[in-house]
Amino acid sequence: MLVAEASAQVGPQAAPPARKRVTRAEYVIDCNEQVNPDVNVIRFVPTTGQMFDFEPGQFVSISAVKPDGKKIARDYSIYSPPSFRQGFELCVKRVEGGFMSNYLCDLKKGDKINAIGPMGGFVLRRPLPPELFFVSTGTGVAPFRAMLETLLEQGEKNTHIYLIFGTRHPEDIINRSFFEGIEKQHPNFHYLPTLSRAEDSWTGHRGHVQETLSKYLKDPSKKDIYICGLQIMVDQVKDMAVASGVPATSIYYERYD
């Protein structure tokens, strides 16, 4: 989920993303599923016309009118891959006191909203390196689900793809069974959920995402790292990766606070 400021760092070797037509359209809610205690995955279907084309990693801007009559807009990364042509999905965290997040999470099937998209330059750079790392916390996983599915749909087998997802407790992991299923089907995909407040029964990675990433930086020159989440996490991961020898031009990020 992207809220307010979003910043994407682009290395000098990266070609600009292909221009996509930005559309303003009305969408109807097809499905609104709560996937953990605080997060919903919401599917939007255009009421007229076709779904827009986009690059995995881009976002849409959702607008709504508050009870006081003020119109507001917030940006959210697209969770579904471009190959899903019926519409698009968003991964939204319900924030206490936040109007837009609660508004979206409370939408029912058949409700309608307005959205503008696609936008943003947080997209995959090619050629791909031998190892590709997606590092996220919370709903920062959204653009990486779209990127991951796109790469695997395209038959990518030469690049090892690592998804490092950080949260506190097992019940906070977003769509865990979905990513575990993909890992079983694709030997070059590695799913690394990391818990900062894990119980003794947890057998996976512990601590914070930068600690998990540090375990895989034995050859920093052969890696690209994409980061999405709160600014403090993004900065810590960037600093650790650069200190470990990863070129700054191989690190891309988007932050949402």
C-alpha atoms as a PDB file:
ATOM      1  CA  MET A   1       0.000   0.000   0.000  1.00  0.00           C
ATOM      2  CA  LEU A   2       1.301   3.409  -0.903  1.00  0.00           C
ATOM      3  CA  VAL A   3       0.050   6.291   1.165  1.00  0.00           C
ATOM      4  CA  ALA A   4       1.075   9.930   0.695  1.00  0.00           C
ATOM      5  CA  GLU A   5       4.725  10.169  -0.353  1.00  0.00           C
ATOM      6  CA  ALA A   6       6.086   7.501  -2.648  1.00  0.00           C
ATOM      7  CA  SER A   7       9.677   7.621  -3.871  1.00  0.00           C
ATOM      8  CA  ALA A   8      11.309   5.299  -6.391  1.00  0.00           C
ATOM      9  CA  GLN A   9      15.061   5.244  -6.849  1.00  0.00           C
ATOM     10  CA  VAL A  10      16.132   4.390 -10.378  1.00  0.00           C
ATOM     11  CA  GLY A  11      19.684   3.286 -11.168  1.00  0.00           C
ATOM     12  CA  PRO A  12      21.453   4.814 -14.181  1.00  0.00           C
ATOM     13  CA  GLN A  13      21.394   1.507 -16.080  1.00  0.00           C
ATOM     14  CA  ALA A  14      17.613   1.321 -15.929  1.00  0.00           C
ATOM     15  CA  ALA A  15      15.477   2.076 -18.951  1.00  0.00           C
ATOM     16  CA  PRO A  16      12.397   4.163 -18.187  1.00  0.00           C
ATOM     17  CA  PRO A  17       9.177   2.166 -17.906  1.00  0.00           C
ATOM     18  CA  ALA A  18       7.052   1.967 -21.018  1.00  0.00           C
ATOM     19  CA  ARG A  19       4.436   4.708 -21.032  1.00  0.00           C
ATOM     20  CA  LYS A  20       0.940   3.451 -20.280  1.00  0.00           C
ATOM     21  CA  ARG A  21      -2.203   5.432 -20.800  1.00  0.00           C
ATOM     22  CA  VAL A  22      -3.445   6.814 -17.496  1.00  0.00           C
ATOM     23  CA  THR A  23      -7.190   6.341 -17.192  1.00  0.00           C
ATOM     24  CA  ARG A  24      -9.805   7.791 -14.864  1.00  0.00           C
ATOM     25  CA  ALA A  25     -12.670   5.338 -14.469  1.00  0.00           C
ATOM     26  CA  GLU A  26     -15.354   3.923 -12.215  1.00  0.00           C
ATOM     27  CA  TYR A  27     -14.930   0.468 -10.686  1.00  0.00           C
ATOM     28  CA  VAL A  28     -17.267  -1.893  -8.871  1.00  0.00           C
ATOM     29  CA  ILE A  29     -16.203  -4.083  -5.945  1.00  0.00           C
ATOM     30  CA  ASP A  30     -16.187  -7.736  -6.998  1.00  0.00           C
ATOM     31  CA  CYS A  31     -14.634  -9.194  -3.833  1.00  0.00           C
ATOM     32  CA  ASN A  32     -13.394  -7.850  -0.491  1.00  0.00           C
ATOM     33  CA  GLU A  33     -11.600 -10.519   1.540  1.00  0.00           C
ATOM     34  CA  GLN A  34      -9.988 -10.102   4.960  1.00  0.00           C
ATOM     35  CA  VAL A  35      -6.700 -12.033   4.708  1.00  0.00           C
ATOM     36  CA  ASN A  36      -5.384 -11.306   8.200  1.00  0.00           C
ATOM     37  CA  PRO A  37      -6.693  -9.354  11.217  1.00  0.00           C
ATOM     38  CA  ASP A  38      -5.720  -5.970   9.712  1.00  0.00           C
ATOM     39  CA  VAL A  39      -5.478  -6.486   5.936  1.00  0.00           C
ATOM     40  CA  ASN A  40      -8.036  -6.892   3.154  1.00  0.00           C
ATOM     41  CA  VAL A  41      -7.472  -7.851  -0.481  1.00  0.00           C
ATOM     42  CA  ILE A  42     -10.039  -6.011  -2.583  1.00  0.00           C
ATOM     43  CA  ARG A  43     -10.869  -6.722  -6.234  1.00  0.00           C
ATOM     44  CA  PHE A  44     -12.048  -3.868  -8.465  1.00  0.00           C
ATOM     45  CA  VAL A  45     -13.696  -4.437 -11.855  1.00  0.00           C
ATOM     46  CA  PRO A  46     -14.293  -1.630 -14.387  1.00  0.00           C
ATOM     47  CA  THR A  47     -17.970  -0.792 -14.833  1.00  0.00           C
ATOM     48  CA  THR A  48     -17.431   0.099 -18.496  1.00  0.00           C
ATOM     49  CA  GLY A  49     -14.629  -0.541 -20.955  1.00  0.00           C
ATOM     50  CA  GLN A  50     -11.533  -2.678 -20.503  1.00  0.00           C
ATOM     51  CA  MET A  51      -8.947  -2.971 -17.774  1.00  0.00           C
ATOM     52  CA  PHE A  52      -5.952  -0.651 -18.305  1.00  0.00           C
ATOM     53  CA  ASP A  53      -2.480  -1.959 -19.116  1.00  0.00           C
ATOM     54  CA  PHE A  54       0.225  -1.501 -16.473  1.00  0.00           C
ATOM     55  CA  GLU A  55       3.689  -2.563 -15.424  1.00  0.00           C
ATOM     56  CA  PRO A  56       3.923  -4.732 -12.289  1.00  0.00           C
ATOM     57  CA  GLY A  57       4.913  -2.417  -9.444  1.00  0.00           C
ATOM     58  CA  GLN A  58       2.780   0.539 -10.534  1.00  0.00           C
ATOM     59  CA  PHE A  59      -0.068   1.990  -8.464  1.00  0.00           C
ATOM     60  CA  VAL A  60      -3.529   3.520  -8.712  1.00  0.00           C
ATOM     61  CA  SER A  61      -4.974   6.547  -6.956  1.00  0.00           C
ATOM     62  CA  ILE A  62      -8.310   5.987  -5.212  1.00  0.00           C
ATOM     63  CA  SER A  63     -10.584   8.918  -4.398  1.00  0.00           C
ATOM     64  CA  ALA A  64     -13.501   9.212  -1.962  1.00  0.00           C
ATOM     65  CA  VAL A  65     -15.552  11.899  -0.228  1.00  0.00           C
ATOM     66  CA  LYS A  66     -15.318  12.212   3.570  1.00  0.00           C
ATOM     67  CA  PRO A  67     -18.373  12.887   5.748  1.00  0.00           C
ATOM     68  CA  ASP A  68     -17.422  16.578   5.893  1.00  0.00           C
ATOM     69  CA  GLY A  69     -17.633  16.766   2.098  1.00  0.00           C
ATOM     70  CA  LYS A  70     -13.879  16.941   1.511  1.00  0.00           C
ATOM     71  CA  LYS A  71     -12.578  14.803  -1.337  1.00  0.00           C
ATOM     72  CA  ILE A  72      -9.345  12.901  -0.677  1.00  0.00           C
ATOM     73  CA  ALA A  73      -7.184  10.531  -2.686  1.00  0.00           C
ATOM     74  CA  ARG A  74      -4.666   7.877  -1.698  1.00  0.00           C
ATOM     75  CA  ASP A  75      -2.247   5.775  -3.750  1.00  0.00           C
ATOM     76  CA  TYR A  76      -2.101   1.974  -3.547  1.00  0.00           C
ATOM     77  CA  SER A  77       0.216  -0.485  -5.303  1.00  0.00           C
ATOM     78  CA  ILE A  78      -1.559  -2.968  -7.548  1.00  0.00           C
ATOM     79  CA  TYR A  79      -1.437  -6.412  -5.945  1.00  0.00           C
ATOM     80  CA  SER A  80      -2.579  -8.465  -8.931  1.00  0.00           C
ATOM     81  CA  PRO A  81      -0.401  -9.122 -12.014  1.00  0.00           C
ATOM     82  CA  PRO A  82      -1.103  -7.463 -15.383  1.00  0.00           C
ATOM     83  CA  SER A  83      -2.210 -10.830 -16.767  1.00  0.00           C
ATOM     84  CA  PHE A  84      -5.361 -10.599 -14.628  1.00  0.00           C
ATOM     85  CA  ARG A  85      -7.459  -8.774 -17.196  1.00  0.00           C
ATOM     86  CA  GLN A  86     -10.829  -8.611 -15.400  1.00  0.00           C
ATOM     87  CA  GLY A  87      -9.724  -5.757 -13.128  1.00  0.00           C
ATOM     88  CA  PHE A  88      -7.152  -5.178 -10.393  1.00  0.00           C
ATOM     89  CA  GLU A  89      -6.605  -6.051  -6.741  1.00  0.00           C
ATOM     90  CA  LEU A  90      -5.321  -3.940  -3.873  1.00  0.00           C
ATOM     91  CA  CYS A  91      -3.866  -5.036  -0.553  1.00  0.00           C
ATOM     92  CA  VAL A  92      -5.118  -2.566   2.081  1.00  0.00           C
ATOM     93  CA  LYS A  93      -4.214  -2.335   5.764  1.00  0.00           C
ATOM     94  CA  ARG A  94      -6.908  -1.005   8.048  1.00  0.00           C
ATOM     95  CA  VAL A  95      -5.358   1.919   9.949  1.00  0.00           C
ATOM     96  CA  GLU A  96      -6.979   3.096  13.171  1.00  0.00           C
ATOM     97  CA  GLY A  97      -8.374   6.576  12.552  1.00  0.00           C
ATOM     98  CA  GLY A  98      -7.493   6.460   8.851  1.00  0.00           C
ATOM     99  CA  PHE A  99     -10.486   7.373   6.714  1.00  0.00           C
ATOM    100  CA  MET A 100      -9.468   5.865   3.377  1.00  0.00           C
ATOM    101  CA  SER A 101      -8.197   2.513   4.640  1.00  0.00           C
ATOM    102  CA  ASN A 102     -11.333   1.914   6.706  1.00  0.00           C
ATOM    103  CA  TYR A 103     -13.534   3.156   3.867  1.00  0.00           C
ATOM    104  CA  LEU A 104     -11.977   0.644   1.465  1.00  0.00           C
ATOM    105  CA  CYS A 105     -11.959  -2.266   3.901  1.00  0.00           C
ATOM    106  CA  ASP A 106     -15.660  -1.694   4.616  1.00  0.00           C
ATOM    107  CA  LEU A 107     -16.726  -1.708   0.957  1.00  0.00           C
ATOM    108  CA  LYS A 108     -19.217  -4.396  -0.032  1.00  0.00           C
ATOM    109  CA  LYS A 109     -19.631  -6.347  -3.256  1.00  0.00           C
ATOM    110  CA  GLY A 110     -21.379  -4.054  -5.726  1.00  0.00           C
ATOM    111  CA  ASP A 111     -20.137  -0.780  -4.219  1.00  0.00           C
ATOM    112  CA  LYS A 112     -18.476   1.625  -6.649  1.00  0.00           C
ATOM    113  CA  ILE A 113     -15.394   3.832  -6.448  1.00  0.00           C
ATOM    114  CA  ASN A 114     -13.306   6.024  -8.778  1.00  0.00           C
ATOM    115  CA  ALA A 115      -9.653   5.362  -9.536  1.00  0.00           C
ATOM    116  CA  ILE A 116      -6.887   6.782 -11.706  1.00  0.00           C
ATOM    117  CA  GLY A 117      -4.062   4.632 -13.029  1.00  0.00           C
ATOM    118  CA  PRO A 118      -1.583   3.293 -13.760  1.00  0.00           C
ATOM    119  CA  MET A 119       1.159   5.487 -12.321  1.00  0.00           C
ATOM    120  CA  GLY A 120       4.660   5.183 -10.893  1.00  0.00           C
ATOM    121  CA  GLY A 121       8.140   4.086 -11.931  1.00  0.00           C
ATOM    122  CA  PHE A 122       8.766   1.349  -9.352  1.00  0.00           C
ATOM    123  CA  VAL A 123       9.031  -1.398 -11.971  1.00  0.00           C
ATOM    124  CA  LEU A 124      11.428  -4.224 -12.805  1.00  0.00           C
ATOM    125  CA  ARG A 125      14.699  -3.353 -14.507  1.00  0.00           C
ATOM    126  CA  ARG A 126      16.219  -5.604 -17.136  1.00  0.00           C
ATOM    127  CA  PRO A 127      18.354  -7.501 -17.799  1.00  0.00           C
ATOM    128  CA  LEU A 128      17.702  -9.422 -14.623  1.00  0.00           C
ATOM    129  CA  PRO A 129      20.669 -10.320 -12.390  1.00  0.00           C
ATOM    130  CA  PRO A 130      21.392 -13.869 -11.182  1.00  0.00           C
ATOM    131  CA  GLU A 131      19.603 -13.039  -7.897  1.00  0.00           C
ATOM    132  CA  LEU A 132      16.647 -10.742  -7.336  1.00  0.00           C
ATOM    133  CA  PHE A 133      15.518  -9.714  -3.846  1.00  0.00           C
ATOM    134  CA  PHE A 134      12.121  -8.304  -2.934  1.00  0.00           C
ATOM    135  CA  VAL A 135      12.185  -6.914   0.623  1.00  0.00           C
ATOM    136  CA  SER A 136       8.950  -5.761   2.226  1.00  0.00           C
ATOM    137  CA  THR A 137       7.016  -5.265   5.420  1.00  0.00           C
ATOM    138  CA  GLY A 138       3.239  -5.227   5.755  1.00  0.00           C
ATOM    139  CA  THR A 139       1.321  -4.291   2.625  1.00  0.00           C
ATOM    140  CA  GLY A 140       4.614  -3.325   1.001  1.00  0.00           C
ATOM    141  CA  VAL A 141       4.426  -6.869  -0.387  1.00  0.00           C
ATOM    142  CA  ALA A 142       1.789  -5.722  -2.908  1.00  0.00           C
ATOM    143  CA  PRO A 143       4.024  -4.680  -5.835  1.00  0.00           C
ATOM    144  CA  PHE A 144       6.184  -7.757  -5.349  1.00  0.00           C
ATOM    145  CA  ARG A 145       3.284 -10.174  -5.733  1.00  0.00           C
ATOM    146  CA  ALA A 146       2.576  -8.566  -9.126  1.00  0.00           C
ATOM    147  CA  MET A 147       6.266  -8.655 -10.119  1.00  0.00           C
ATOM    148  CA  LEU A 148       6.759 -12.244  -8.949  1.00  0.00           C
ATOM    149  CA  GLU A 149       3.751 -13.661 -10.769  1.00  0.00           C
ATOM    150  CA  THR A 150       4.688 -11.805 -13.939  1.00  0.00           C
ATOM    151  CA  LEU A 151       8.235 -13.168 -13.945  1.00  0.00           C
ATOM    152  CA  LEU A 152       7.086 -16.742 -13.338  1.00  0.00           C
ATOM    153  CA  GLU A 153       4.322 -16.473 -15.942  1.00  0.00           C
ATOM    154  CA  GLN A 154       6.994 -15.405 -18.418  1.00  0.00           C
ATOM    155  CA  GLY A 155       8.911 -18.591 -17.646  1.00  0.00           C
ATOM    156  CA  GLU A 156      11.796 -16.963 -15.779  1.00  0.00           C
ATOM    157  CA  LYS A 157      14.081 -19.759 -14.507  1.00  0.00           C
ATOM    158  CA  ASN A 158      17.586 -18.315 -14.662  1.00  0.00           C
ATOM    159  CA  THR A 159      17.154 -15.751 -11.886  1.00  0.00           C
ATOM    160  CA  HIS A 160      16.681 -16.817  -8.290  1.00  0.00           C
ATOM    161  CA  ILE A 161      13.921 -14.690  -6.752  1.00  0.00           C
ATOM    162  CA  TYR A 162      13.803 -14.108  -2.993  1.00  0.00           C
ATOM    163  CA  LEU A 163      10.780 -12.594  -1.257  1.00  0.00           C
ATOM    164  CA  ILE A 164      11.647 -11.389   2.254  1.00  0.00           C
ATOM    165  CA  PHE A 165       8.495 -10.392   4.104  1.00  0.00           C
ATOM    166  CA  GLY A 166       8.668  -8.911   7.593  1.00  0.00           C
ATOM    167  CA  THR A 167       5.985  -8.691  10.255  1.00  0.00           C
ATOM    168  CA  ARG A 168       5.542  -9.431  13.957  1.00  0.00           C
ATOM    169  CA  HIS A 169       3.454 -12.592  14.351  1.00  0.00           C
ATOM    170  CA  PRO A 170       2.496 -15.565  12.131  1.00  0.00           C
ATOM    171  CA  GLU A 171      -1.132 -14.412  11.924  1.00  0.00           C
ATOM    172  CA  ASP A 172       0.078 -11.115  10.403  1.00  0.00           C
ATOM    173  CA  ILE A 173       1.643 -12.817   7.364  1.00  0.00           C
ATOM    174  CA  ILE A 174      -0.254 -11.824   4.213  1.00  0.00           C
ATOM    175  CA  ASN A 175      -1.389 -14.719   1.991  1.00  0.00           C
ATOM    176  CA  ARG A 176       1.199 -17.097   3.413  1.00  0.00           C
ATOM    177  CA  SER A 177      -0.270 -20.246   1.817  1.00  0.00           C
ATOM    178  CA  PHE A 178      -0.336 -18.544  -1.591  1.00  0.00           C
ATOM    179  CA  PHE A 179       3.396 -17.774  -1.564  1.00  0.00           C
ATOM    180  CA  GLU A 180       4.271 -21.146  -0.050  1.00  0.00           C
ATOM    181  CA  GLY A 181       2.368 -22.794  -2.891  1.00  0.00           C
ATOM    182  CA  ILE A 182       4.345 -20.842  -5.494  1.00  0.00           C
ATOM    183  CA  GLU A 183       7.597 -21.810  -3.766  1.00  0.00           C
ATOM    184  CA  LYS A 184       6.697 -25.503  -4.076  1.00  0.00           C
ATOM    185  CA  GLN A 185       6.050 -25.125  -7.796  1.00  0.00           C
ATOM    186  CA  HIS A 186       9.092 -23.032  -8.725  1.00  0.00           C
ATOM    187  CA  PRO A 187      12.591 -24.063  -7.530  1.00  0.00           C
ATOM    188  CA  ASN A 188      13.995 -20.594  -8.288  1.00  0.00           C
ATOM    189  CA  PHE A 189      11.564 -18.830  -5.921  1.00  0.00           C
ATOM    190  CA  HIS A 190      12.456 -18.586  -2.234  1.00  0.00           C
ATOM    191  CA  TYR A 191       9.916 -17.355   0.303  1.00  0.00           C
ATOM    192  CA  LEU A 192      11.455 -15.954   3.496  1.00  0.00           C
ATOM    193  CA  PRO A 193       8.854 -14.633   5.973  1.00  0.00           C
ATOM    194  CA  THR A 194      10.639 -13.041   8.924  1.00  0.00           C
ATOM    195  CA  LEU A 195       9.035 -12.455  12.315  1.00  0.00           C
ATOM    196  CA  SER A 196      10.220  -9.886  14.844  1.00  0.00           C
ATOM    197  CA  ARG A 197       8.097 -11.261  17.716  1.00  0.00           C
ATOM    198  CA  ALA A 198       7.914 -14.950  16.941  1.00  0.00           C
ATOM    199  CA  GLU A 199       6.821 -17.607  19.405  1.00  0.00           C
ATOM    200  CA  ASP A 200       9.188 -20.460  20.260  1.00  0.00           C
ATOM    201  CA  SER A 201       7.307 -22.710  17.827  1.00  0.00           C
ATOM    202  CA  TRP A 202       8.292 -20.556  14.824  1.00  0.00           C
ATOM    203  CA  THR A 203      10.937 -22.348  12.731  1.00  0.00           C
ATOM    204  CA  GLY A 204      11.501 -19.656  10.102  1.00  0.00           C
ATOM    205  CA  HIS A 205      13.606 -16.496  10.077  1.00  0.00           C
ATOM    206  CA  ARG A 206      13.542 -14.227  13.111  1.00  0.00           C
ATOM    207  CA  GLY A 207      14.333 -10.571  13.643  1.00  0.00           C
ATOM    208  CA  HIS A 208      14.030  -7.911  10.955  1.00  0.00           C
ATOM    209  CA  VAL A 209      14.127  -8.073   7.181  1.00  0.00           C
ATOM    210  CA  GLN A 210      17.595  -6.532   6.890  1.00  0.00           C
ATOM    211  CA  GLU A 211      18.960  -9.305   9.109  1.00  0.00           C
ATOM    212  CA  THR A 212      17.480 -11.944   6.825  1.00  0.00           C
ATOM    213  CA  LEU A 213      18.773 -10.151   3.737  1.00  0.00           C
ATOM    214  CA  SER A 214      22.295  -9.960   5.195  1.00  0.00           C
ATOM    215  CA  LYS A 215      22.456 -13.772   5.216  1.00  0.00           C
ATOM    216  CA  TYR A 216      22.207 -13.829   1.411  1.00  0.00           C
ATOM    217  CA  LEU A 217      24.668 -11.077   0.449  1.00  0.00           C
ATOM    218  CA  LYS A 218      27.722 -13.257  -0.142  1.00  0.00           C
ATOM    219  CA  ASP A 219      28.146 -11.958  -3.709  1.00  0.00           C
ATOM    220  CA  PRO A 220      26.631  -8.451  -3.668  1.00  0.00           C
ATOM    221  CA  SER A 221      27.591  -7.603  -7.256  1.00  0.00           C
ATOM    222  CA  LYS A 222      25.170 -10.187  -8.682  1.00  0.00           C
ATOM    223  CA  LYS A 223      22.029  -8.924  -6.942  1.00  0.00           C
ATOM    224  CA  ASP A 224      19.298  -6.373  -7.490  1.00  0.00           C
ATOM    225  CA  ILE A 225      17.324  -5.368  -4.406  1.00  0.00           C
ATOM    226  CA  TYR A 226      13.813  -3.899  -4.434  1.00  0.00           C
ATOM    227  CA  ILE A 227      12.398  -2.539  -1.169  1.00  0.00           C
ATOM    228  CA  CYS A 228       8.881  -1.435  -0.257  1.00  0.00           C
ATOM    229  CA  GLY A 229       7.572  -0.364   3.135  1.00  0.00           C
ATOM    230  CA  LEU A 230       7.890   2.324   5.774  1.00  0.00           C
ATOM    231  CA  GLN A 231      10.738   4.787   5.347  1.00  0.00           C
ATOM    232  CA  ILE A 232      12.660   3.662   8.435  1.00  0.00           C
ATOM    233  CA  MET A 233      12.766   0.084   7.136  1.00  0.00           C
ATOM    234  CA  VAL A 234      13.666   1.180   3.609  1.00  0.00           C
ATOM    235  CA  ASP A 235      16.561   3.302   4.892  1.00  0.00           C
ATOM    236  CA  GLN A 236      17.883   0.537   7.136  1.00  0.00           C
ATOM    237  CA  VAL A 237      17.829  -2.043   4.350  1.00  0.00           C
ATOM    238  CA  LYS A 238      19.470   0.352   1.885  1.00  0.00           C
ATOM    239  CA  ASP A 239      22.235   1.270   4.332  1.00  0.00           C
ATOM    240  CA  MET A 240      22.928  -2.336   5.237  1.00  0.00           C
ATOM    241  CA  ALA A 241      23.008  -3.467   1.602  1.00  0.00           C
ATOM    242  CA  VAL A 242      25.364  -0.676   0.509  1.00  0.00           C
ATOM    243  CA  ALA A 243      27.645  -1.328   3.499  1.00  0.00           C
ATOM    244  CA  SER A 244      27.741  -4.990   2.431  1.00  0.00           C
ATOM    245  CA  GLY A 245      28.929  -4.086  -1.052  1.00  0.00           C
ATOM    246  CA  VAL A 246      25.720  -3.888  -3.097  1.00  0.00           C
ATOM    247  CA  PRO A 247      26.042  -1.012  -5.609  1.00  0.00           C
ATOM    248  CA  ALA A 248      23.601   1.806  -4.876  1.00  0.00           C
ATOM    249  CA  THR A 249      22.517   1.616  -8.521  1.00  0.00           C
ATOM    250  CA  SER A 250      21.245  -1.936  -7.899  1.00  0.00           C
ATOM    251  CA  ILE A 251      18.858  -0.855  -5.131  1.00  0.00           C
ATOM    252  CA  TYR A 252      15.321   0.350  -5.921  1.00  0.00           C
ATOM    253  CA  TYR A 253      12.710   1.382  -3.423  1.00  0.00           C
ATOM    254  CA  GLU A 254       9.279   2.782  -2.776  1.00  0.00           C
ATOM    255  CA  ARG A 255       8.171   4.068   0.621  1.00  0.00           C
ATOM    256  CA  TYR A 256       4.731   4.957   1.907  1.00  0.00           C
ATOM    257  CA  ASP A 257       4.920   7.214   4.935  1.00  0.00           C
END
